[in-house]
Each structure stands twice: as C-alpha cells, then as structure tokens.
Amino acid sequence: MIEIEDIATDPKRVRILDSAMKVFLAYGFARTTMDDIARAADMSRPALYLQFKNKTDIYRAIALMLLSRSLEQAKTALAGEEPFAERTMRAIDEALISMTRTVHASPHGAELLDMKSSLADLIGCWRSRFAEHIAAAIQSEAGRNGVDLTAKGLSAKLLADMLLDGLEGMKMRISDPDEQRRAAAALIKVIDLALQKS
C-alpha cells in the first residue's frame, strides 16, 4: 500500500519536483520534455534520469509530494485549538482548495487535472488518510461535547465520508475557489450541528 505521508524528503528530488511543477504549469504536460525539467532543476538530463525514469514518473511523484503536504497541513489544522468548524474549514482550505488553486490558475491546469485518472491509486490512498484525520477530529469533538453519535444514527467515519463526498461533488459543480469555500463552510456547519447536544 502507498504511504502518502511517508514520502522521502531528499532535497534533490524535492528541487526536481518543484521545478517540474513550474514547467508543467508553464507548458503543460504534453509539451514538457525531460530536457525542460532538467534545465529548470539546474541539472543534466542524465542526472535527472538517475532520479526518475520519465516525465510520467515525475508527474506521479509531484502528486505524491503535494498530497503528502496537504495531509500534513490538514492534520496540523485539525489538531488546533479553534472551534471544530474553524479547524475543519482551515484543513479543507489548506489541504484541498488551496492545493488545486495554482493548478486551476495555470493555462494548462485543465490538462494536468485531466490526467488525474493516472493517479487514482494515490488519490484513493490520500482520500482514505484525509477521511481518517477528519473522522478522528469528529470523534474527538463528539467526545468533548458529550454527544453519542451512534444514538443519532451516525458515526465519525460516516460524517467524514459525507463531508468528502460532498466536497468532491461540489468541485464538479463549482470552479471558483471562493464559492467552494462558502459551500464547504455550509457542509461543515451541518456536521458541526450534528456534533452539538440536542
């Protein structure tokens, strides 16, 4: 199983991936060559091939790096001291909405996002870990508020999945990040209400 949060932090690889991301955003995946990436990372093409076998390998590594960073941001946000709704909104904003903002802003963002089917395994693992972090925060909040979710016919996992499913549907319907934030805040408010004593 892929461990999203356990990626290597080799500075050379991170430099290559950061440089490749800039090149992909500037030229798109199809027009970018390994030569372009090597130049952007200030290294020779043979040295680049020692690290990655091709640009698809680099694309997947970029996705893994971004997804890993987003999980760390979500985990940190959810562990804060603010009210549940604020922590959860910050986690979603930092881990999801902000992560895709740069890609959407690029003239080649649609091309890069269309390739996400090649990342299904990584995205599935990321979603599972993100749901676990959200479910843990929900369970903790329910405990803090003395709310028995089972008595309400709910569970922390069910609420976390409902939130992520809602966010996924919202992304298909709403492209503007500010509108996405408003819709996400409404979903979180519904979950927050379920975590209050009636």
N, C-alpha and C. Protein backbone atom coordinates (compact mmCIF):
# COMPACT_ATOMS: atom_id res chain seq x y z
N MET A 1 0.84 -1.20 0.00
CA MET A 1 0.00 0.00 0.00
C MET A 1 0.87 1.25 0.00
N ILE A 2 0.48 2.25 -0.72
CA ILE A 2 1.21 3.50 -0.81
C ILE A 2 1.00 4.28 0.49
N GLU A 3 2.10 4.75 1.05
CA GLU A 3 2.00 5.57 2.26
C GLU A 3 2.19 7.03 1.85
N ILE A 4 1.10 7.73 1.74
CA ILE A 4 1.14 9.12 1.29
C ILE A 4 1.97 9.98 2.22
N GLU A 5 1.85 9.78 3.52
CA GLU A 5 2.53 10.67 4.46
C GLU A 5 3.99 10.31 4.70
N ASP A 6 4.47 9.23 4.07
CA ASP A 6 5.84 8.79 4.32
C ASP A 6 6.75 8.97 3.11
N ILE A 7 6.54 9.99 2.31
CA ILE A 7 7.40 10.17 1.14
C ILE A 7 8.78 10.63 1.58
N ALA A 8 9.75 10.30 0.76
CA ALA A 8 11.13 10.71 1.05
C ALA A 8 11.24 12.22 0.91
N THR A 9 12.12 12.80 1.70
CA THR A 9 12.29 14.25 1.66
C THR A 9 13.69 14.60 1.16
N ASP A 10 14.21 13.83 0.22
CA ASP A 10 15.51 14.09 -0.38
C ASP A 10 15.47 15.47 -1.05
N PRO A 11 16.32 16.41 -0.59
CA PRO A 11 16.27 17.77 -1.14
C PRO A 11 16.44 17.84 -2.66
N LYS A 12 17.27 16.93 -3.23
CA LYS A 12 17.47 16.94 -4.69
C LYS A 12 16.17 16.58 -5.40
N ARG A 13 15.49 15.55 -4.91
CA ARG A 13 14.21 15.14 -5.53
C ARG A 13 13.15 16.23 -5.36
N VAL A 14 13.10 16.85 -4.19
CA VAL A 14 12.13 17.93 -3.95
C VAL A 14 12.41 19.08 -4.91
N ARG A 15 13.69 19.42 -5.12
CA ARG A 15 14.04 20.51 -6.05
C ARG A 15 13.59 20.15 -7.47
N ILE A 16 13.81 18.91 -7.86
CA ILE A 16 13.38 18.47 -9.20
C ILE A 16 11.86 18.58 -9.32
N LEU A 17 11.15 18.10 -8.31
CA LEU A 17 9.69 18.10 -8.38
C LEU A 17 9.12 19.52 -8.37
N ASP A 18 9.68 20.39 -7.55
CA ASP A 18 9.23 21.79 -7.54
C ASP A 18 9.49 22.44 -8.90
N SER A 19 10.65 22.18 -9.47
CA SER A 19 10.99 22.74 -10.79
C SER A 19 10.08 22.16 -11.88
N ALA A 20 9.85 20.86 -11.82
CA ALA A 20 8.99 20.21 -12.82
C ALA A 20 7.57 20.74 -12.75
N MET A 21 7.09 20.98 -11.55
CA MET A 21 5.74 21.52 -11.39
C MET A 21 5.62 22.87 -12.09
N LYS A 22 6.62 23.71 -11.92
CA LYS A 22 6.61 25.03 -12.59
C LYS A 22 6.60 24.87 -14.10
N VAL A 23 7.39 23.92 -14.61
CA VAL A 23 7.46 23.71 -16.06
C VAL A 23 6.13 23.14 -16.58
N PHE A 24 5.56 22.18 -15.86
CA PHE A 24 4.26 21.62 -16.28
C PHE A 24 3.19 22.71 -16.31
N LEU A 25 3.20 23.58 -15.30
CA LEU A 25 2.21 24.67 -15.26
C LEU A 25 2.44 25.67 -16.39
N ALA A 26 3.69 25.89 -16.76
CA ALA A 26 4.01 26.86 -17.81
C ALA A 26 3.75 26.32 -19.21
N TYR A 27 4.06 25.03 -19.45
CA TYR A 27 3.98 24.48 -20.80
C TYR A 27 2.96 23.37 -20.98
N GLY A 28 2.44 22.84 -19.89
CA GLY A 28 1.55 21.69 -19.98
C GLY A 28 2.37 20.40 -19.96
N PHE A 29 1.71 19.31 -19.69
CA PHE A 29 2.41 18.02 -19.60
C PHE A 29 2.90 17.57 -20.97
N ALA A 30 2.05 17.64 -21.98
CA ALA A 30 2.39 17.12 -23.31
C ALA A 30 3.60 17.83 -23.92
N ARG A 31 3.69 19.14 -23.74
CA ARG A 31 4.78 19.92 -24.37
C ARG A 31 6.07 19.90 -23.55
N THR A 32 6.00 19.50 -22.30
CA THR A 32 7.19 19.49 -21.46
C THR A 32 8.06 18.28 -21.77
N THR A 33 9.37 18.51 -21.85
CA THR A 33 10.32 17.42 -22.08
C THR A 33 11.17 17.20 -20.83
N MET A 34 11.83 16.08 -20.79
CA MET A 34 12.75 15.81 -19.68
C MET A 34 13.88 16.84 -19.69
N ASP A 35 14.25 17.31 -20.88
CA ASP A 35 15.26 18.35 -21.01
C ASP A 35 14.80 19.64 -20.31
N ASP A 36 13.53 20.02 -20.54
CA ASP A 36 12.98 21.21 -19.89
C ASP A 36 13.06 21.10 -18.37
N ILE A 37 12.71 19.92 -17.87
CA ILE A 37 12.71 19.71 -16.42
C ILE A 37 14.14 19.74 -15.88
N ALA A 38 15.06 19.11 -16.59
CA ALA A 38 16.47 19.11 -16.16
C ALA A 38 17.01 20.54 -16.10
N ARG A 39 16.74 21.33 -17.13
CA ARG A 39 17.20 22.73 -17.14
C ARG A 39 16.60 23.51 -15.98
N ALA A 40 15.29 23.35 -15.75
CA ALA A 40 14.62 24.08 -14.67
C ALA A 40 15.18 23.68 -13.30
N ALA A 41 15.60 22.42 -13.16
CA ALA A 41 16.15 21.93 -11.89
C ALA A 41 17.65 22.16 -11.81
N ASP A 42 18.22 22.80 -12.85
CA ASP A 42 19.64 23.12 -12.90
C ASP A 42 20.51 21.86 -12.77
N MET A 43 20.20 20.88 -13.63
CA MET A 43 20.95 19.64 -13.63
C MET A 43 21.00 19.08 -15.04
N SER A 44 21.84 18.08 -15.25
CA SER A 44 21.93 17.46 -16.58
C SER A 44 20.77 16.47 -16.76
N ARG A 45 20.45 16.20 -18.02
CA ARG A 45 19.39 15.23 -18.31
C ARG A 45 19.77 13.84 -17.80
N PRO A 46 21.03 13.37 -17.99
CA PRO A 46 21.39 12.06 -17.44
C PRO A 46 21.22 12.00 -15.91
N ALA A 47 21.53 13.10 -15.23
CA ALA A 47 21.37 13.13 -13.76
C ALA A 47 19.88 13.05 -13.40
N LEU A 48 19.04 13.67 -14.21
CA LEU A 48 17.59 13.60 -13.97
C LEU A 48 17.10 12.17 -14.14
N TYR A 49 17.61 11.48 -15.18
CA TYR A 49 17.19 10.10 -15.42
C TYR A 49 17.67 9.15 -14.32
N LEU A 50 18.66 9.54 -13.56
CA LEU A 50 19.08 8.73 -12.41
C LEU A 50 18.03 8.79 -11.29
N GLN A 51 17.26 9.86 -11.29
CA GLN A 51 16.24 10.06 -10.25
C GLN A 51 14.86 9.58 -10.70
N PHE A 52 14.52 9.82 -11.97
CA PHE A 52 13.18 9.50 -12.49
C PHE A 52 13.30 8.88 -13.87
N LYS A 53 12.45 7.88 -14.16
CA LYS A 53 12.56 7.20 -15.45
C LYS A 53 11.93 7.98 -16.60
N ASN A 54 10.91 8.81 -16.33
CA ASN A 54 10.27 9.60 -17.39
C ASN A 54 9.41 10.70 -16.75
N LYS A 55 8.77 11.49 -17.59
CA LYS A 55 8.01 12.62 -17.03
C LYS A 55 6.73 12.15 -16.34
N THR A 56 6.19 11.00 -16.73
CA THR A 56 5.03 10.46 -16.02
C THR A 56 5.42 10.07 -14.60
N ASP A 57 6.60 9.51 -14.44
CA ASP A 57 7.13 9.18 -13.12
C ASP A 57 7.27 10.46 -12.27
N ILE A 58 7.71 11.52 -12.91
CA ILE A 58 7.85 12.81 -12.22
C ILE A 58 6.47 13.36 -11.85
N TYR A 59 5.53 13.27 -12.78
CA TYR A 59 4.17 13.74 -12.51
C TYR A 59 3.57 13.04 -11.30
N ARG A 60 3.73 11.72 -11.25
CA ARG A 60 3.23 10.95 -10.10
C ARG A 60 3.95 11.35 -8.81
N ALA A 61 5.24 11.58 -8.90
CA ALA A 61 6.00 11.98 -7.71
C ALA A 61 5.56 13.37 -7.23
N ILE A 62 5.26 14.27 -8.17
CA ILE A 62 4.74 15.60 -7.79
C ILE A 62 3.42 15.43 -7.06
N ALA A 63 2.55 14.61 -7.62
CA ALA A 63 1.25 14.37 -6.99
C ALA A 63 1.43 13.81 -5.59
N LEU A 64 2.33 12.85 -5.44
CA LEU A 64 2.59 12.25 -4.13
C LEU A 64 3.09 13.30 -3.14
N MET A 65 4.00 14.17 -3.61
CA MET A 65 4.54 15.22 -2.75
C MET A 65 3.43 16.20 -2.33
N LEU A 66 2.61 16.65 -3.29
CA LEU A 66 1.54 17.60 -2.98
C LEU A 66 0.49 16.99 -2.06
N LEU A 67 0.13 15.74 -2.33
CA LEU A 67 -0.86 15.07 -1.49
C LEU A 67 -0.33 14.86 -0.07
N SER A 68 0.95 14.54 0.02
CA SER A 68 1.56 14.36 1.35
C SER A 68 1.57 15.68 2.12
N ARG A 69 1.95 16.74 1.44
CA ARG A 69 1.95 18.06 2.08
C ARG A 69 0.54 18.44 2.53
N SER A 70 -0.44 18.14 1.70
CA SER A 70 -1.81 18.52 2.04
C SER A 70 -2.30 17.75 3.26
N LEU A 71 -1.90 16.49 3.39
CA LEU A 71 -2.30 15.72 4.57
C LEU A 71 -1.66 16.27 5.84
N GLU A 72 -0.41 16.66 5.74
CA GLU A 72 0.27 17.25 6.91
C GLU A 72 -0.41 18.55 7.31
N GLN A 73 -0.77 19.37 6.31
CA GLN A 73 -1.47 20.64 6.61
C GLN A 73 -2.81 20.37 7.26
N ALA A 74 -3.54 19.38 6.76
CA ALA A 74 -4.85 19.05 7.32
C ALA A 74 -4.71 18.56 8.75
N LYS A 75 -3.75 17.69 8.97
CA LYS A 75 -3.51 17.13 10.31
C LYS A 75 -3.19 18.25 11.30
N THR A 76 -2.34 19.17 10.90
CA THR A 76 -1.97 20.30 11.76
C THR A 76 -3.19 21.18 12.04
N ALA A 77 -3.95 21.49 11.01
CA ALA A 77 -5.13 22.35 11.18
C ALA A 77 -6.16 21.70 12.10
N LEU A 78 -6.39 20.42 11.92
CA LEU A 78 -7.41 19.72 12.72
C LEU A 78 -7.00 19.57 14.18
N ALA A 79 -5.70 19.63 14.45
CA ALA A 79 -5.21 19.48 15.82
C ALA A 79 -5.20 20.82 16.59
N GLY A 80 -5.60 21.89 15.94
CA GLY A 80 -5.58 23.21 16.57
C GLY A 80 -6.57 23.33 17.72
N GLU A 81 -6.59 24.51 18.30
CA GLU A 81 -7.44 24.77 19.47
C GLU A 81 -8.73 25.52 19.13
N GLU A 82 -8.87 25.96 17.89
CA GLU A 82 -10.05 26.72 17.49
C GLU A 82 -11.29 25.83 17.54
N PRO A 83 -12.47 26.43 17.43
CA PRO A 83 -13.69 25.63 17.35
C PRO A 83 -13.61 24.65 16.17
N PHE A 84 -14.34 23.53 16.29
CA PHE A 84 -14.31 22.46 15.29
C PHE A 84 -14.52 22.97 13.86
N ALA A 85 -15.55 23.80 13.66
CA ALA A 85 -15.86 24.27 12.30
C ALA A 85 -14.70 25.06 11.71
N GLU A 86 -14.04 25.89 12.52
CA GLU A 86 -12.90 26.68 12.03
C GLU A 86 -11.72 25.79 11.67
N ARG A 87 -11.43 24.82 12.54
CA ARG A 87 -10.30 23.91 12.28
C ARG A 87 -10.55 23.08 11.02
N THR A 88 -11.76 22.60 10.88
CA THR A 88 -12.09 21.76 9.73
C THR A 88 -12.06 22.57 8.44
N MET A 89 -12.59 23.80 8.49
CA MET A 89 -12.56 24.65 7.31
C MET A 89 -11.12 24.96 6.91
N ARG A 90 -10.27 25.24 7.90
CA ARG A 90 -8.86 25.52 7.60
C ARG A 90 -8.20 24.29 6.99
N ALA A 91 -8.50 23.11 7.52
CA ALA A 91 -7.94 21.87 6.98
C ALA A 91 -8.34 21.67 5.52
N ILE A 92 -9.61 21.90 5.22
CA ILE A 92 -10.10 21.73 3.85
C ILE A 92 -9.52 22.80 2.93
N ASP A 93 -9.46 24.01 3.44
CA ASP A 93 -8.91 25.09 2.63
C ASP A 93 -7.44 24.83 2.29
N GLU A 94 -6.65 24.47 3.30
CA GLU A 94 -5.22 24.26 3.08
C GLU A 94 -4.93 22.96 2.35
N ALA A 95 -5.68 21.91 2.65
CA ALA A 95 -5.38 20.60 2.08
C ALA A 95 -6.04 20.34 0.73
N LEU A 96 -7.08 21.07 0.42
CA LEU A 96 -7.83 20.74 -0.79
C LEU A 96 -7.98 21.95 -1.72
N ILE A 97 -8.63 22.99 -1.24
CA ILE A 97 -8.94 24.13 -2.10
C ILE A 97 -7.66 24.86 -2.53
N SER A 98 -6.79 25.17 -1.58
CA SER A 98 -5.55 25.88 -1.92
C SER A 98 -4.62 25.03 -2.76
N MET A 99 -4.64 23.72 -2.53
CA MET A 99 -3.76 22.82 -3.28
C MET A 99 -4.07 22.87 -4.77
N THR A 100 -5.34 23.00 -5.12
CA THR A 100 -5.71 22.99 -6.54
C THR A 100 -5.78 24.39 -7.16
N ARG A 101 -5.71 25.42 -6.33
CA ARG A 101 -5.82 26.79 -6.84
C ARG A 101 -4.76 27.10 -7.88
N THR A 102 -3.50 26.77 -7.60
CA THR A 102 -2.40 27.07 -8.52
C THR A 102 -2.58 26.35 -9.84
N VAL A 103 -3.01 25.09 -9.77
CA VAL A 103 -3.20 24.31 -10.99
C VAL A 103 -4.34 24.91 -11.82
N HIS A 104 -5.44 25.25 -11.16
CA HIS A 104 -6.58 25.85 -11.87
C HIS A 104 -6.20 27.18 -12.53
N ALA A 105 -5.30 27.93 -11.89
CA ALA A 105 -4.91 29.25 -12.40
C ALA A 105 -4.01 29.15 -13.63
N SER A 106 -3.39 28.01 -13.85
CA SER A 106 -2.50 27.83 -14.99
C SER A 106 -3.30 27.64 -16.27
N PRO A 107 -2.78 28.15 -17.40
CA PRO A 107 -3.46 27.90 -18.67
C PRO A 107 -3.48 26.41 -19.04
N HIS A 108 -2.62 25.63 -18.37
CA HIS A 108 -2.56 24.19 -18.65
C HIS A 108 -3.14 23.36 -17.50
N GLY A 109 -3.83 24.03 -16.59
CA GLY A 109 -4.40 23.35 -15.43
C GLY A 109 -5.38 22.25 -15.81
N ALA A 110 -6.22 22.52 -16.80
CA ALA A 110 -7.21 21.51 -17.21
C ALA A 110 -6.52 20.25 -17.71
N GLU A 111 -5.45 20.42 -18.49
CA GLU A 111 -4.70 19.26 -19.00
C GLU A 111 -4.12 18.46 -17.83
N LEU A 112 -3.52 19.15 -16.87
CA LEU A 112 -2.91 18.47 -15.73
C LEU A 112 -3.96 17.76 -14.88
N LEU A 113 -5.10 18.40 -14.69
CA LEU A 113 -6.16 17.78 -13.88
C LEU A 113 -6.83 16.62 -14.61
N ASP A 114 -6.88 16.70 -15.95
CA ASP A 114 -7.46 15.60 -16.73
C ASP A 114 -6.64 14.31 -16.58
N MET A 115 -5.39 14.46 -16.19
CA MET A 115 -4.52 13.29 -16.05
C MET A 115 -4.69 12.61 -14.70
N LYS A 116 -5.61 13.12 -13.86
CA LYS A 116 -5.71 12.56 -12.51
C LYS A 116 -6.14 11.10 -12.50
N SER A 117 -6.70 10.60 -13.60
CA SER A 117 -7.06 9.18 -13.62
C SER A 117 -5.80 8.30 -13.50
N SER A 118 -4.66 8.82 -13.94
CA SER A 118 -3.40 8.07 -13.80
C SER A 118 -2.90 8.09 -12.36
N LEU A 119 -3.59 8.85 -11.51
CA LEU A 119 -3.21 8.96 -10.11
C LEU A 119 -4.25 8.34 -9.18
N ALA A 120 -5.14 7.53 -9.74
CA ALA A 120 -6.26 7.00 -8.95
C ALA A 120 -5.81 6.30 -7.68
N ASP A 121 -4.72 5.54 -7.76
CA ASP A 121 -4.23 4.84 -6.57
C ASP A 121 -3.75 5.82 -5.50
N LEU A 122 -3.04 6.86 -5.92
CA LEU A 122 -2.54 7.86 -4.97
C LEU A 122 -3.69 8.66 -4.36
N ILE A 123 -4.63 9.07 -5.21
CA ILE A 123 -5.76 9.87 -4.74
C ILE A 123 -6.64 9.04 -3.80
N GLY A 124 -6.83 7.77 -4.11
CA GLY A 124 -7.61 6.90 -3.23
C GLY A 124 -6.97 6.77 -1.86
N CYS A 125 -5.66 6.59 -1.84
CA CYS A 125 -4.94 6.49 -0.56
C CYS A 125 -5.01 7.81 0.19
N TRP A 126 -4.81 8.92 -0.52
CA TRP A 126 -4.90 10.25 0.10
C TRP A 126 -6.27 10.48 0.71
N ARG A 127 -7.33 10.14 -0.04
CA ARG A 127 -8.68 10.36 0.45
C ARG A 127 -8.94 9.55 1.71
N SER A 128 -8.45 8.32 1.72
CA SER A 128 -8.62 7.46 2.88
C SER A 128 -7.94 8.05 4.12
N ARG A 129 -6.71 8.53 3.95
CA ARG A 129 -5.97 9.14 5.07
C ARG A 129 -6.63 10.45 5.51
N PHE A 130 -7.09 11.24 4.56
CA PHE A 130 -7.75 12.52 4.88
C PHE A 130 -9.03 12.23 5.67
N ALA A 131 -9.79 11.24 5.21
CA ALA A 131 -11.03 10.86 5.91
C ALA A 131 -10.73 10.40 7.33
N GLU A 132 -9.64 9.67 7.51
CA GLU A 132 -9.26 9.22 8.86
C GLU A 132 -8.97 10.41 9.77
N HIS A 133 -8.24 11.39 9.26
CA HIS A 133 -7.92 12.59 10.06
C HIS A 133 -9.20 13.35 10.43
N ILE A 134 -10.10 13.50 9.46
CA ILE A 134 -11.36 14.21 9.73
C ILE A 134 -12.21 13.42 10.71
N ALA A 135 -12.30 12.10 10.52
CA ALA A 135 -13.09 11.27 11.42
C ALA A 135 -12.55 11.34 12.85
N ALA A 136 -11.23 11.35 13.00
CA ALA A 136 -10.64 11.46 14.34
C ALA A 136 -11.02 12.80 14.98
N ALA A 137 -11.01 13.87 14.20
CA ALA A 137 -11.40 15.19 14.72
C ALA A 137 -12.88 15.20 15.10
N ILE A 138 -13.71 14.58 14.28
CA ILE A 138 -15.15 14.50 14.56
C ILE A 138 -15.39 13.70 15.84
N GLN A 139 -14.72 12.55 15.96
CA GLN A 139 -14.89 11.71 17.15
C GLN A 139 -14.44 12.45 18.41
N SER A 140 -13.33 13.16 18.30
CA SER A 140 -12.83 13.94 19.43
C SER A 140 -13.81 15.04 19.84
N GLU A 141 -14.36 15.72 18.84
CA GLU A 141 -15.32 16.80 19.11
C GLU A 141 -16.60 16.25 19.73
N ALA A 142 -17.06 15.12 19.23
CA ALA A 142 -18.26 14.49 19.80
C ALA A 142 -18.01 14.13 21.26
N GLY A 143 -16.84 13.57 21.54
CA GLY A 143 -16.48 13.23 22.92
C GLY A 143 -16.41 14.45 23.81
N ARG A 144 -15.80 15.51 23.30
CA ARG A 144 -15.68 16.76 24.06
C ARG A 144 -17.05 17.35 24.38
N ASN A 145 -17.98 17.21 23.44
CA ASN A 145 -19.33 17.76 23.62
C ASN A 145 -20.29 16.78 24.31
N GLY A 146 -19.80 15.57 24.60
CA GLY A 146 -20.66 14.57 25.24
C GLY A 146 -21.78 14.09 24.34
N VAL A 147 -21.50 14.02 23.02
CA VAL A 147 -22.51 13.60 22.05
C VAL A 147 -22.27 12.15 21.66
N ASP A 148 -23.32 11.35 21.74
CA ASP A 148 -23.27 9.95 21.32
C ASP A 148 -23.74 9.88 19.87
N LEU A 149 -22.77 9.79 18.96
CA LEU A 149 -23.11 9.77 17.53
C LEU A 149 -23.95 8.54 17.17
N THR A 150 -23.66 7.42 17.78
CA THR A 150 -24.40 6.20 17.49
C THR A 150 -25.88 6.37 17.81
N ALA A 151 -26.18 7.06 18.90
CA ALA A 151 -27.57 7.30 19.28
C ALA A 151 -28.29 8.16 18.25
N LYS A 152 -27.52 8.95 17.51
CA LYS A 152 -28.10 9.79 16.46
C LYS A 152 -28.12 9.06 15.11
N GLY A 153 -27.68 7.80 15.12
CA GLY A 153 -27.63 7.04 13.87
C GLY A 153 -26.47 7.46 12.99
N LEU A 154 -25.41 7.99 13.60
CA LEU A 154 -24.26 8.49 12.86
C LEU A 154 -22.98 7.85 13.38
N SER A 155 -21.91 8.09 12.66
CA SER A 155 -20.57 7.70 13.12
C SER A 155 -19.60 8.75 12.60
N ALA A 156 -18.44 8.81 13.22
CA ALA A 156 -17.42 9.77 12.77
C ALA A 156 -17.01 9.47 11.33
N LYS A 157 -16.86 8.18 11.01
CA LYS A 157 -16.47 7.80 9.65
C LYS A 157 -17.54 8.21 8.64
N LEU A 158 -18.80 7.96 8.98
CA LEU A 158 -19.90 8.33 8.09
C LEU A 158 -19.90 9.84 7.83
N LEU A 159 -19.74 10.63 8.87
CA LEU A 159 -19.73 12.09 8.71
C LEU A 159 -18.52 12.56 7.89
N ALA A 160 -17.36 11.95 8.14
CA ALA A 160 -16.16 12.32 7.38
C ALA A 160 -16.34 11.98 5.90
N ASP A 161 -16.88 10.79 5.62
CA ASP A 161 -17.12 10.40 4.22
C ASP A 161 -18.17 11.31 3.57
N MET A 162 -19.20 11.66 4.33
CA MET A 162 -20.23 12.56 3.80
C MET A 162 -19.62 13.91 3.43
N LEU A 163 -18.74 14.41 4.28
CA LEU A 163 -18.08 15.69 4.00
C LEU A 163 -17.23 15.59 2.74
N LEU A 164 -16.40 14.56 2.65
CA LEU A 164 -15.52 14.44 1.49
C LEU A 164 -16.30 14.16 0.20
N ASP A 165 -17.36 13.36 0.29
CA ASP A 165 -18.21 13.12 -0.88
C ASP A 165 -18.87 14.43 -1.33
N GLY A 166 -19.34 15.20 -0.37
CA GLY A 166 -19.95 16.49 -0.68
C GLY A 166 -18.97 17.44 -1.33
N LEU A 167 -17.73 17.46 -0.82
CA LEU A 167 -16.70 18.33 -1.39
C LEU A 167 -16.35 17.90 -2.81
N GLU A 168 -16.29 16.59 -3.04
CA GLU A 168 -15.98 16.09 -4.38
C GLU A 168 -17.06 16.51 -5.38
N GLY A 169 -18.32 16.36 -4.98
CA GLY A 169 -19.42 16.79 -5.85
C GLY A 169 -19.40 18.29 -6.07
N MET A 170 -19.08 19.03 -5.03
CA MET A 170 -19.02 20.48 -5.12
C MET A 170 -17.96 20.93 -6.12
N LYS A 171 -16.79 20.25 -6.13
CA LYS A 171 -15.72 20.63 -7.06
C LYS A 171 -16.15 20.48 -8.51
N MET A 172 -17.04 19.52 -8.77
CA MET A 172 -17.52 19.30 -10.14
C MET A 172 -18.50 20.40 -10.56
N ARG A 173 -19.16 20.98 -9.59
CA ARG A 173 -20.20 21.96 -9.87
C ARG A 173 -19.69 23.40 -9.76
N ILE A 174 -18.71 23.64 -8.91
CA ILE A 174 -18.23 24.99 -8.62
C ILE A 174 -16.74 25.08 -8.91
N SER A 175 -16.34 26.00 -9.77
CA SER A 175 -14.92 26.14 -10.09
C SER A 175 -14.24 27.28 -9.31
N ASP A 176 -15.01 28.27 -8.90
CA ASP A 176 -14.45 29.42 -8.19
C ASP A 176 -14.06 29.02 -6.75
N PRO A 177 -12.78 29.21 -6.36
CA PRO A 177 -12.34 28.82 -5.01
C PRO A 177 -13.11 29.50 -3.88
N ASP A 178 -13.52 30.75 -4.07
CA ASP A 178 -14.28 31.44 -3.02
C ASP A 178 -15.66 30.82 -2.84
N GLU A 179 -16.28 30.46 -3.96
CA GLU A 179 -17.58 29.76 -3.88
C GLU A 179 -17.41 28.38 -3.26
N GLN A 180 -16.30 27.72 -3.60
CA GLN A 180 -16.02 26.41 -3.00
C GLN A 180 -15.91 26.54 -1.48
N ARG A 181 -15.24 27.60 -1.02
CA ARG A 181 -15.10 27.82 0.42
C ARG A 181 -16.46 28.00 1.08
N ARG A 182 -17.33 28.78 0.45
CA ARG A 182 -18.66 29.01 1.03
C ARG A 182 -19.45 27.70 1.10
N ALA A 183 -19.39 26.91 0.04
CA ALA A 183 -20.11 25.63 0.03
C ALA A 183 -19.52 24.67 1.05
N ALA A 184 -18.19 24.65 1.16
CA ALA A 184 -17.53 23.78 2.15
C ALA A 184 -17.93 24.20 3.56
N ALA A 185 -17.98 25.50 3.81
CA ALA A 185 -18.36 26.00 5.14
C ALA A 185 -19.78 25.56 5.50
N ALA A 186 -20.67 25.53 4.52
CA ALA A 186 -22.05 25.09 4.78
C ALA A 186 -22.08 23.60 5.13
N LEU A 187 -21.30 22.79 4.42
CA LEU A 187 -21.23 21.36 4.74
C LEU A 187 -20.68 21.14 6.15
N ILE A 188 -19.66 21.89 6.48
CA ILE A 188 -19.05 21.75 7.81
C ILE A 188 -20.03 22.17 8.89
N LYS A 189 -20.81 23.21 8.62
CA LYS A 189 -21.81 23.67 9.60
C LYS A 189 -22.83 22.57 9.90
N VAL A 190 -23.24 21.83 8.88
CA VAL A 190 -24.19 20.72 9.07
C VAL A 190 -23.57 19.67 9.99
N ILE A 191 -22.29 19.34 9.74
CA ILE A 191 -21.62 18.35 10.59
C ILE A 191 -21.44 18.88 12.00
N ASP A 192 -21.09 20.15 12.11
CA ASP A 192 -20.92 20.77 13.42
C ASP A 192 -22.24 20.72 14.21
N LEU A 193 -23.36 20.93 13.54
CA LEU A 193 -24.66 20.84 14.21
C LEU A 193 -24.91 19.42 14.75
N ALA A 194 -24.48 18.42 14.00
CA ALA A 194 -24.65 17.03 14.44
C ALA A 194 -23.79 16.73 15.66
N LEU A 195 -22.75 17.52 15.87
CA LEU A 195 -21.84 17.31 17.00
C LEU A 195 -22.25 18.09 18.24
N GLN A 196 -23.38 18.77 18.17
CA GLN A 196 -23.87 19.53 19.33
C GLN A 196 -24.93 18.71 20.05
N LYS A 197 -25.01 18.88 21.36
CA LYS A 197 -26.07 18.20 22.13
C LYS A 197 -27.41 18.82 21.77
N SER A 198 -28.42 17.95 21.57
CA SER A 198 -29.74 18.49 21.22
C SER A 198 -30.50 18.89 22.46
